[in-house]
């Protein structure tokens, strides 16, 4: 599979082909999943994928494949999730949260120079938000069992909710995709907080009351935000 990936990448370079670059990334992703899942005889963690992703990311600039760059970033997030599962979760998740927050800030406050470098069509904040939420979800899963006697879960949950609000306020107007990822993140936070609270034997009825109020507020906020952030006539919105 690695030989197949290398051959496809070389063909992409020779032909300067966007589709072949995407295909090479897809083959690399398949190898990552199969290698991690123990399909091959040797079941050590596929650290090599990080180097492969870096090479393919560089190639994507030559082949002008923005789609491949989007796929590579999502693939790296998937790689980090697998790494966290196989190793110390917090040692992977916390740096991912911090790096994603820094990338989001850079993509918002220095949008033009950053996008000239990464060439993602203004969608780096969307990827950064996905990374931020994925990292915090891993932290929450790791600390969920200790929620009744450890404040770490509550801090992670509060950070996630604050990050979601900040993402909508700072980048929601320019990206409908970012807004809906933020809404999905809020729904996930509501669900995981409920599961942990139920597990730690806290007041379930009180939670349902709070959840109903929060969902009602969220519905109103989403309607108002979507109305305000609709693209003006003649303008284009980044997905």
C-alpha atoms as a PDB file:
ATOM      1  CA  UNK A   1       0.000   0.000   0.000  1.00  0.00           C
ATOM      2  CA  UNK A   2       2.879   2.351   0.720  1.00  0.00           C
ATOM      3  CA  UNK A   3       4.349   1.562  -2.702  1.00  0.00           C
ATOM      4  CA  UNK A   4       0.958   2.246  -4.263  1.00  0.00           C
ATOM      5  CA  UNK A   5       0.729   5.542  -2.370  1.00  0.00           C
ATOM      6  CA  UNK A   6       4.248   6.559  -3.425  1.00  0.00           C
ATOM      7  CA  UNK A   7       3.560   5.693  -7.073  1.00  0.00           C
ATOM      8  CA  UNK A   8       0.309   7.668  -7.050  1.00  0.00           C
ATOM      9  CA  UNK A   9       2.053  10.637  -5.459  1.00  0.00           C
ATOM     10  CA  UNK A  10       4.839  10.539  -8.080  1.00  0.00           C
ATOM     11  CA  UNK A  11       2.245  10.389 -10.848  1.00  0.00           C
ATOM     12  CA  UNK A  12       0.467  13.365  -9.269  1.00  0.00           C
ATOM     13  CA  UNK A  13       3.716  15.329  -9.278  1.00  0.00           C
ATOM     14  CA  UNK A  14       4.584  14.346 -12.863  1.00  0.00           C
ATOM     15  CA  UNK A  15       1.131  15.188 -14.198  1.00  0.00           C
ATOM     16  CA  UNK A  16       0.442  17.988 -11.723  1.00  0.00           C
ATOM     17  CA  UNK A  17      -2.841  16.221 -11.050  1.00  0.00           C
ATOM     18  CA  UNK A  18      -5.331  17.327  -8.395  1.00  0.00           C
ATOM     19  CA  UNK A  19      -7.330  14.028  -8.421  1.00  0.00           C
ATOM     20  CA  UNK A  20      -4.194  11.884  -8.128  1.00  0.00           C
ATOM     21  CA  UNK A  21      -3.047  13.920  -5.126  1.00  0.00           C
ATOM     22  CA  UNK A  22      -6.379  13.287  -3.414  1.00  0.00           C
ATOM     23  CA  UNK A  23      -6.090   9.592  -4.316  1.00  0.00           C
ATOM     24  CA  UNK A  24      -2.620   9.396  -2.751  1.00  0.00           C
ATOM     25  CA  UNK A  25      -3.973  10.895   0.472  1.00  0.00           C
ATOM     26  CA  UNK A  26      -6.841   8.391   0.454  1.00  0.00           C
ATOM     27  CA  UNK A  27      -4.430   5.466   0.059  1.00  0.00           C
ATOM     28  CA  UNK A  28      -2.297   6.816   2.910  1.00  0.00           C
ATOM     29  CA  UNK A  29      -5.400   7.083   5.097  1.00  0.00           C
ATOM     30  CA  UNK A  30      -6.357   3.478   4.293  1.00  0.00           C
ATOM     31  CA  UNK A  31      -2.848   2.334   5.221  1.00  0.00           C
ATOM     32  CA  UNK A  32      -3.041   4.277   8.502  1.00  0.00           C
ATOM     33  CA  UNK A  33      -6.339   2.670   9.490  1.00  0.00           C
ATOM     34  CA  UNK A  34      -5.320  -0.859   8.480  1.00  0.00           C
ATOM     35  CA  UNK A  35      -1.913  -0.569  10.134  1.00  0.00           C
ATOM     36  CA  UNK A  36      -3.406   0.747  13.362  1.00  0.00           C
ATOM     37  CA  UNK A  37      -6.135  -1.901  13.326  1.00  0.00           C
ATOM     38  CA  UNK A  38      -3.595  -4.747  13.156  1.00  0.00           C
ATOM     39  CA  UNK A  39      -4.474  -5.872   9.617  1.00  0.00           C
ATOM     40  CA  UNK A  40      -0.788  -6.362   8.843  1.00  0.00           C
ATOM     41  CA  UNK A  41       1.485  -8.737  10.750  1.00  0.00           C
ATOM     42  CA  UNK A  42       3.393  -6.017  12.558  1.00  0.00           C
ATOM     43  CA  UNK A  43       0.986  -4.040  14.704  1.00  0.00           C
ATOM     44  CA  UNK A  44       3.236  -1.216  15.924  1.00  0.00           C
ATOM     45  CA  UNK A  45       1.732   2.248  15.770  1.00  0.00           C
ATOM     46  CA  UNK A  46       2.064   3.824  12.270  1.00  0.00           C
ATOM     47  CA  UNK A  47       4.192   6.839  13.230  1.00  0.00           C
ATOM     48  CA  UNK A  48       5.352   7.014   9.611  1.00  0.00           C
ATOM     49  CA  UNK A  49       2.013   8.534   8.646  1.00  0.00           C
ATOM     50  CA  UNK A  50       3.062  11.929  10.025  1.00  0.00           C
ATOM     51  CA  UNK A  51       5.959  12.083   7.552  1.00  0.00           C
ATOM     52  CA  UNK A  52       3.769  10.827   4.704  1.00  0.00           C
ATOM     53  CA  UNK A  53       1.162  13.501   5.440  1.00  0.00           C
ATOM     54  CA  UNK A  54       3.838  16.213   5.449  1.00  0.00           C
ATOM     55  CA  UNK A  55       5.195  15.097   2.056  1.00  0.00           C
ATOM     56  CA  UNK A  56       1.709  14.938   0.555  1.00  0.00           C
ATOM     57  CA  UNK A  57       0.888  18.367   1.971  1.00  0.00           C
ATOM     58  CA  UNK A  58       3.920  19.826   0.197  1.00  0.00           C
ATOM     59  CA  UNK A  59       2.981  18.005  -3.018  1.00  0.00           C
ATOM     60  CA  UNK A  60      -0.534  19.472  -2.835  1.00  0.00           C
ATOM     61  CA  UNK A  61       0.891  22.965  -3.387  1.00  0.00           C
ATOM     62  CA  UNK A  62       2.644  21.835  -6.572  1.00  0.00           C
ATOM     63  CA  UNK A  63      -0.496  20.120  -7.863  1.00  0.00           C
ATOM     64  CA  UNK A  64      -2.710  22.984  -6.642  1.00  0.00           C
ATOM     65  CA  UNK A  65      -4.962  20.552  -4.810  1.00  0.00           C
ATOM     66  CA  UNK A  66      -6.854  22.439  -2.115  1.00  0.00           C
ATOM     67  CA  UNK A  67      -9.099  19.406  -1.614  1.00  0.00           C
ATOM     68  CA  UNK A  68      -6.060  17.295  -0.755  1.00  0.00           C
ATOM     69  CA  UNK A  69      -4.921  19.834   1.826  1.00  0.00           C
ATOM     70  CA  UNK A  70      -8.338  19.770   3.505  1.00  0.00           C
ATOM     71  CA  UNK A  71      -8.263  15.960   3.547  1.00  0.00           C
ATOM     72  CA  UNK A  72      -4.701  15.874   4.906  1.00  0.00           C
ATOM     73  CA  UNK A  73      -5.586  18.152   7.831  1.00  0.00           C
ATOM     74  CA  UNK A  74      -8.591  15.987   8.725  1.00  0.00           C
ATOM     75  CA  UNK A  75      -6.380  12.901   8.358  1.00  0.00           C
ATOM     76  CA  UNK A  76      -3.839  14.344  10.781  1.00  0.00           C
ATOM     77  CA  UNK A  77      -6.625  14.922  13.311  1.00  0.00           C
ATOM     78  CA  UNK A  78      -7.686  11.288  12.855  1.00  0.00           C
ATOM     79  CA  UNK A  79      -4.052  10.206  13.320  1.00  0.00           C
ATOM     80  CA  UNK A  80      -3.846  12.169  16.578  1.00  0.00           C
ATOM     81  CA  UNK A  81      -7.059  10.573  17.858  1.00  0.00           C
ATOM     82  CA  UNK A  82      -5.604   7.106  17.166  1.00  0.00           C
ATOM     83  CA  UNK A  83      -2.356   8.156  18.835  1.00  0.00           C
ATOM     84  CA  UNK A  84      -4.278   9.293  21.913  1.00  0.00           C
ATOM     85  CA  UNK A  85      -6.128   5.976  22.065  1.00  0.00           C
ATOM     86  CA  UNK A  86      -2.886   3.996  21.961  1.00  0.00           C
ATOM     87  CA  UNK A  87      -0.846   6.268  24.242  1.00  0.00           C
ATOM     88  CA  UNK A  88      -1.393   8.789  27.026  1.00  0.00           C
ATOM     89  CA  UNK A  89      -4.568  10.592  26.035  1.00  0.00           C
ATOM     90  CA  UNK A  90      -3.910  13.852  27.871  1.00  0.00           C
ATOM     91  CA  UNK A  91      -0.373  14.167  26.491  1.00  0.00           C
ATOM     92  CA  UNK A  92      -1.838  14.201  22.979  1.00  0.00           C
ATOM     93  CA  UNK A  93      -5.163  15.937  23.602  1.00  0.00           C
ATOM     94  CA  UNK A  94      -3.980  18.989  25.564  1.00  0.00           C
ATOM     95  CA  UNK A  95      -1.328  20.036  23.002  1.00  0.00           C
ATOM     96  CA  UNK A  96      -3.944  19.505  20.260  1.00  0.00           C
ATOM     97  CA  UNK A  97      -6.356  21.855  22.059  1.00  0.00           C
ATOM     98  CA  UNK A  98      -3.691  24.525  22.544  1.00  0.00           C
ATOM     99  CA  UNK A  99      -2.352  24.261  18.992  1.00  0.00           C
ATOM    100  CA  UNK A 100      -5.863  24.381  17.521  1.00  0.00           C
ATOM    101  CA  UNK A 101      -6.751  27.465  19.581  1.00  0.00           C
ATOM    102  CA  UNK A 102      -3.547  29.173  18.420  1.00  0.00           C
ATOM    103  CA  UNK A 103      -4.264  28.295  14.767  1.00  0.00           C
ATOM    104  CA  UNK A 104      -7.815  29.580  15.087  1.00  0.00           C
ATOM    105  CA  UNK A 105      -6.601  32.874  16.533  1.00  0.00           C
ATOM    106  CA  UNK A 106      -3.991  33.244  13.789  1.00  0.00           C
ATOM    107  CA  UNK A 107      -6.537  32.408  11.084  1.00  0.00           C
ATOM    108  CA  UNK A 108      -8.993  35.000  12.437  1.00  0.00           C
ATOM    109  CA  UNK A 109      -6.697  37.889  13.361  1.00  0.00           C
ATOM    110  CA  UNK A 110      -4.175  37.444  10.527  1.00  0.00           C
ATOM    111  CA  UNK A 111      -6.500  35.893   7.979  1.00  0.00           C
ATOM    112  CA  UNK A 112      -4.906  37.095   4.734  1.00  0.00           C
ATOM    113  CA  UNK A 113      -1.236  36.267   5.411  1.00  0.00           C
ATOM    114  CA  UNK A 114      -2.119  32.915   7.010  1.00  0.00           C
ATOM    115  CA  UNK A 115      -4.334  31.887   4.107  1.00  0.00           C
ATOM    116  CA  UNK A 116      -1.644  32.885   1.623  1.00  0.00           C
ATOM    117  CA  UNK A 117       0.577  30.310   3.327  1.00  0.00           C
ATOM    118  CA  UNK A 118      -1.841  27.401   3.807  1.00  0.00           C
ATOM    119  CA  UNK A 119      -4.112  28.201   0.812  1.00  0.00           C
ATOM    120  CA  UNK A 120      -7.272  26.669   2.270  1.00  0.00           C
ATOM    121  CA  UNK A 121      -9.728  29.202   0.920  1.00  0.00           C
ATOM    122  CA  UNK A 122     -10.300  30.796   4.326  1.00  0.00           C
ATOM    123  CA  UNK A 123     -11.358  27.525   5.958  1.00  0.00           C
ATOM    124  CA  UNK A 124      -8.504  27.102   8.422  1.00  0.00           C
ATOM    125  CA  UNK A 125     -10.730  28.317  11.317  1.00  0.00           C
ATOM    126  CA  UNK A 126     -13.130  25.462  10.558  1.00  0.00           C
ATOM    127  CA  UNK A 127     -10.344  22.873  10.796  1.00  0.00           C
ATOM    128  CA  UNK A 128      -8.959  24.538  13.918  1.00  0.00           C
ATOM    129  CA  UNK A 129     -12.368  24.376  15.599  1.00  0.00           C
ATOM    130  CA  UNK A 130     -12.709  20.685  14.738  1.00  0.00           C
ATOM    131  CA  UNK A 131      -9.267  20.046  16.243  1.00  0.00           C
ATOM    132  CA  UNK A 132     -10.122  22.086  19.339  1.00  0.00           C
ATOM    133  CA  UNK A 133     -13.358  20.190  19.944  1.00  0.00           C
ATOM    134  CA  UNK A 134     -11.765  16.809  19.206  1.00  0.00           C
ATOM    135  CA  UNK A 135      -8.975  17.479  21.701  1.00  0.00           C
ATOM    136  CA  UNK A 136     -11.381  18.584  24.424  1.00  0.00           C
ATOM    137  CA  UNK A 137     -13.647  15.576  23.742  1.00  0.00           C
ATOM    138  CA  UNK A 138     -10.661  13.282  24.354  1.00  0.00           C
ATOM    139  CA  UNK A 139      -9.903  15.117  27.597  1.00  0.00           C
ATOM    140  CA  UNK A 140     -13.523  14.784  28.701  1.00  0.00           C
ATOM    141  CA  UNK A 141     -13.629  11.059  27.918  1.00  0.00           C
ATOM    142  CA  UNK A 142     -10.405  10.596  29.867  1.00  0.00           C
ATOM    143  CA  UNK A 143     -11.612  12.517  32.927  1.00  0.00           C
ATOM    144  CA  UNK A 144     -15.282  11.530  32.824  1.00  0.00           C
ATOM    145  CA  UNK A 145     -14.900   8.681  35.332  1.00  0.00           C
ATOM    146  CA  UNK A 146     -13.284  11.059  37.811  1.00  0.00           C
ATOM    147  CA  UNK A 147     -15.858  13.857  37.437  1.00  0.00           C
ATOM    148  CA  UNK A 148     -17.398  13.265  40.868  1.00  0.00           C
ATOM    149  CA  UNK A 149     -14.143  14.025  42.693  1.00  0.00           C
ATOM    150  CA  UNK A 150     -12.063  15.889  40.125  1.00  0.00           C
ATOM    151  CA  UNK A 151     -12.736  19.348  38.661  1.00  0.00           C
ATOM    152  CA  UNK A 152     -10.843  18.570  35.446  1.00  0.00           C
ATOM    153  CA  UNK A 153     -13.953  17.442  33.575  1.00  0.00           C
ATOM    154  CA  UNK A 154     -15.870  20.580  34.560  1.00  0.00           C
ATOM    155  CA  UNK A 155     -12.965  22.790  33.449  1.00  0.00           C
ATOM    156  CA  UNK A 156     -12.740  20.976  30.094  1.00  0.00           C
ATOM    157  CA  UNK A 157     -16.493  21.296  29.559  1.00  0.00           C
ATOM    158  CA  UNK A 158     -16.497  24.997  30.413  1.00  0.00           C
ATOM    159  CA  UNK A 159     -13.530  25.538  28.080  1.00  0.00           C
ATOM    160  CA  UNK A 160     -15.336  23.746  25.252  1.00  0.00           C
ATOM    161  CA  UNK A 161     -18.504  25.811  25.682  1.00  0.00           C
ATOM    162  CA  UNK A 162     -16.524  29.058  25.899  1.00  0.00           C
ATOM    163  CA  UNK A 163     -14.548  28.080  22.797  1.00  0.00           C
ATOM    164  CA  UNK A 164     -17.735  27.344  20.872  1.00  0.00           C
ATOM    165  CA  UNK A 165     -19.202  30.744  21.733  1.00  0.00           C
ATOM    166  CA  UNK A 166     -15.928  32.500  20.833  1.00  0.00           C
ATOM    167  CA  UNK A 167     -15.723  30.625  17.503  1.00  0.00           C
ATOM    168  CA  UNK A 168     -19.241  31.685  16.529  1.00  0.00           C
ATOM    169  CA  UNK A 169     -18.637  35.300  17.519  1.00  0.00           C
ATOM    170  CA  UNK A 170     -15.244  35.586  15.808  1.00  0.00           C
ATOM    171  CA  UNK A 171     -15.628  33.436  12.697  1.00  0.00           C
ATOM    172  CA  UNK A 172     -19.276  32.511  12.346  1.00  0.00           C
ATOM    173  CA  UNK A 173     -20.231  35.335  10.005  1.00  0.00           C
ATOM    174  CA  UNK A 174     -17.717  34.253   7.354  1.00  0.00           C
ATOM    175  CA  UNK A 175     -18.366  30.502   7.515  1.00  0.00           C
ATOM    176  CA  UNK A 176     -21.671  28.690   7.731  1.00  0.00           C
ATOM    177  CA  UNK A 177     -19.756  25.399   8.066  1.00  0.00           C
ATOM    178  CA  UNK A 178     -17.999  26.726  11.164  1.00  0.00           C
ATOM    179  CA  UNK A 179     -21.321  27.730  12.698  1.00  0.00           C
ATOM    180  CA  UNK A 180     -22.827  24.294  12.201  1.00  0.00           C
ATOM    181  CA  UNK A 181     -19.727  22.551  13.565  1.00  0.00           C
ATOM    182  CA  UNK A 182     -20.069  24.821  16.597  1.00  0.00           C
ATOM    183  CA  UNK A 183     -23.764  23.921  16.965  1.00  0.00           C
ATOM    184  CA  UNK A 184     -22.911  20.207  16.706  1.00  0.00           C
ATOM    185  CA  UNK A 185     -20.186  20.705  19.303  1.00  0.00           C
ATOM    186  CA  UNK A 186     -22.663  22.328  21.658  1.00  0.00           C
ATOM    187  CA  UNK A 187     -25.073  19.396  21.241  1.00  0.00           C
ATOM    188  CA  UNK A 188     -22.225  16.946  21.938  1.00  0.00           C
ATOM    189  CA  UNK A 189     -21.241  18.879  25.066  1.00  0.00           C
ATOM    190  CA  UNK A 190     -24.816  18.754  26.302  1.00  0.00           C
ATOM    191  CA  UNK A 191     -24.925  14.987  25.753  1.00  0.00           C
ATOM    192  CA  UNK A 192     -21.581  14.170  27.386  1.00  0.00           C
ATOM    193  CA  UNK A 193     -22.259  16.409  30.380  1.00  0.00           C
ATOM    194  CA  UNK A 194     -25.556  14.620  30.898  1.00  0.00           C
ATOM    195  CA  UNK A 195     -23.944  11.160  30.660  1.00  0.00           C
ATOM    196  CA  UNK A 196     -21.253  12.076  33.188  1.00  0.00           C
ATOM    197  CA  UNK A 197     -23.725  13.730  35.550  1.00  0.00           C
ATOM    198  CA  UNK A 198     -25.997  10.678  35.404  1.00  0.00           C
ATOM    199  CA  UNK A 199     -23.032   8.406  36.030  1.00  0.00           C
ATOM    200  CA  UNK A 200     -21.949  10.434  39.058  1.00  0.00           C
ATOM    201  CA  UNK A 201     -25.527  10.270  40.454  1.00  0.00           C
ATOM    202  CA  UNK A 202     -26.235  13.999  40.278  1.00  0.00           C
ATOM    203  CA  UNK A 203     -29.738  15.407  40.012  1.00  0.00           C
ATOM    204  CA  UNK A 204     -31.061  14.065  36.700  1.00  0.00           C
ATOM    205  CA  UNK A 205     -34.373  15.955  36.905  1.00  0.00           C
ATOM    206  CA  UNK A 206     -32.517  19.205  37.467  1.00  0.00           C
ATOM    207  CA  UNK A 207     -30.302  18.457  34.499  1.00  0.00           C
ATOM    208  CA  UNK A 208     -33.271  17.831  32.226  1.00  0.00           C
ATOM    209  CA  UNK A 209     -34.777  21.144  33.286  1.00  0.00           C
ATOM    210  CA  UNK A 210     -31.499  22.962  32.616  1.00  0.00           C
ATOM    211  CA  UNK A 211     -31.048  21.112  29.317  1.00  0.00           C
ATOM    212  CA  UNK A 212     -34.536  22.070  28.147  1.00  0.00           C
ATOM    213  CA  UNK A 213     -33.885  25.717  28.954  1.00  0.00           C
ATOM    214  CA  UNK A 214     -30.478  25.625  27.241  1.00  0.00           C
ATOM    215  CA  UNK A 215     -31.847  23.930  24.131  1.00  0.00           C
ATOM    216  CA  UNK A 216     -34.634  26.496  23.913  1.00  0.00           C
ATOM    217  CA  UNK A 217     -32.132  29.327  24.226  1.00  0.00           C
ATOM    218  CA  UNK A 218     -29.863  27.646  21.675  1.00  0.00           C
ATOM    219  CA  UNK A 219     -32.722  27.320  19.171  1.00  0.00           C
ATOM    220  CA  UNK A 220     -33.534  31.021  19.504  1.00  0.00           C
ATOM    221  CA  UNK A 221     -29.856  31.985  19.255  1.00  0.00           C
ATOM    222  CA  UNK A 222     -29.320  29.829  16.149  1.00  0.00           C
ATOM    223  CA  UNK A 223     -32.329  31.358  14.404  1.00  0.00           C
ATOM    224  CA  UNK A 224     -31.173  34.893  15.212  1.00  0.00           C
ATOM    225  CA  UNK A 225     -27.517  34.204  14.361  1.00  0.00           C
ATOM    226  CA  UNK A 226     -28.425  32.610  11.028  1.00  0.00           C
ATOM    227  CA  UNK A 227     -30.640  35.577  10.121  1.00  0.00           C
ATOM    228  CA  UNK A 228     -27.929  38.083  10.988  1.00  0.00           C
ATOM    229  CA  UNK A 229     -25.156  36.155   9.297  1.00  0.00           C
ATOM    230  CA  UNK A 230     -26.932  35.513   6.019  1.00  0.00           C
ATOM    231  CA  UNK A 231     -24.751  36.584   3.140  1.00  0.00           C
ATOM    232  CA  UNK A 232     -25.742  39.922   1.645  1.00  0.00           C
ATOM    233  CA  UNK A 233     -26.962  39.861  -1.930  1.00  0.00           C
ATOM    234  CA  UNK A 234     -24.075  39.593  -4.367  1.00  0.00           C
ATOM    235  CA  UNK A 235     -21.649  38.253  -1.755  1.00  0.00           C
ATOM    236  CA  UNK A 236     -20.217  34.762  -1.414  1.00  0.00           C
ATOM    237  CA  UNK A 237     -19.918  32.817   1.814  1.00  0.00           C
ATOM    238  CA  UNK A 238     -17.178  30.380   2.644  1.00  0.00           C
ATOM    239  CA  UNK A 239     -18.674  26.956   3.317  1.00  0.00           C
END
